[in-house]
Amino acid sequence: MRKVQLALLALAVALPMGASRPQTLPPSPPPATPPPFTGELSVMTYNIHGAPWPVAWDRPAKLASIATTLRVLRREGRNPHIVVLQEAFTQEAQSVGRAAGYRYIADGPSADMAGAAIPGDAHLAPSSSDFWMKGEGIGKYVGSGLQILSDYPVMEVHRVAYPASACAGYDCLANKGALMAAIRLPGYPVPIDVVTTHLNSRHASKVSDGRSLRAFRLQIACLTDFIRKRHSPERALIVAGDFNVGRVMARRTALLTDAGTRWLPNGDVMRDAYGAADKARIVLSSDALFSRNRAKDWVFYAPGQATDMNLLKIDVPFGHAANGSMLSDHVGYTAIFRLSHRSPTVTSFARSKASAFADARA
């Protein structure tokens, strides 16, 4: 979330404030049939800053522009097949997918979903006392803000809300967690698993770095536990979202350690899209470089036992306009993959830890 007075989020949601009634964006009918699948899969991650007034200003118009842009891309045959959204808190934000013509939409944990237990192998105890003046211990005023939009059928949906104690500061006002959708692609009998999450912020939480880092590490432990329990190794896996890493080495290490050694069984590792692009010498636009260097929004991926996948390129449908403005406070970028069937005799994708970190961003 942006560095604003997030304590007002509680008031904006819980109390009438004289603002206009939230409106949903007009839906756009999805195509009669899913678009043909040629083997190239496009997946976009985008934090759309869909927070309520007065936490965020002028969002309905910007959210409508996001939906309009996605509709235009659809008419041109260039819309992302799958979109993972963060901060889709308001009705307008939650209606972007329908307005953009996506047939299948999965929602993340709601405000009233109970938090999971802290995994037994987590080595960090939660903070003992709540800072209620900074939003802790006063309940969840909005849900997770997570959505997965898809042109292709969603076969399964799994959700987890992070433990109530696994948050810090104003982030605790949202019921943060993770969302997984198993998506069936035409011509592929085995679905792919797509996961999105939004982890605890640092400065915007308005608590100490140590306190927010503790929450961040606990949330990663919960995300890892969720992926290991719900993901099937035969499926390709994509994990994308707003991980709020930034330039903090402790956060980076915590994320890459779990992505590199714990999300998948048998020593298999996840690749980072930006890191893979660097290794393959894929040219990145200025907006993609901006997003990569900011290090908040990540796309991890790994093939499955039945499906291979390789990164082809990275596009940025939502970056800076000519005047420097953006429709959100994040870049929305798309990783485009080439998928292919794997022979049952092919061994599972595995690498050493050194190779895993070589693929991660420098």
Foldseek 3Di string as FASTA:
>chain_A
DDQDLLVCLLVQQPHDDPDDDFDADDFDAADPAQDADPQKAKEKEEALQQGGPPVDPPQLVLLVVLLVLLLVCVVVVRHHQKYKYFQLWTNHSVRSLRNNRFPDKDDEFWQPDAADDQDPPDPFDFDDDFPVVQPAPPGASTEQRIMMTHSFDFDDKDYHFHHLRLAAGSVSNYRWTKIWTFGDHPPAPGTAIEMETAAYAAVSSVDHNVNHLSSLLSRLSRVLVVLVVPPDQQHKYKYKYFSNQFPDVSSVCSNLVCQQAGNDPDQAHKFKLVLLCVVVVADDDPQVVVQVNRPGIIMIIFGGLFKHKDWDHKAWSWGADPVRDTSHPHTMMMTMMRMDTDDNVDDGHHDDSVVSVSSDDD
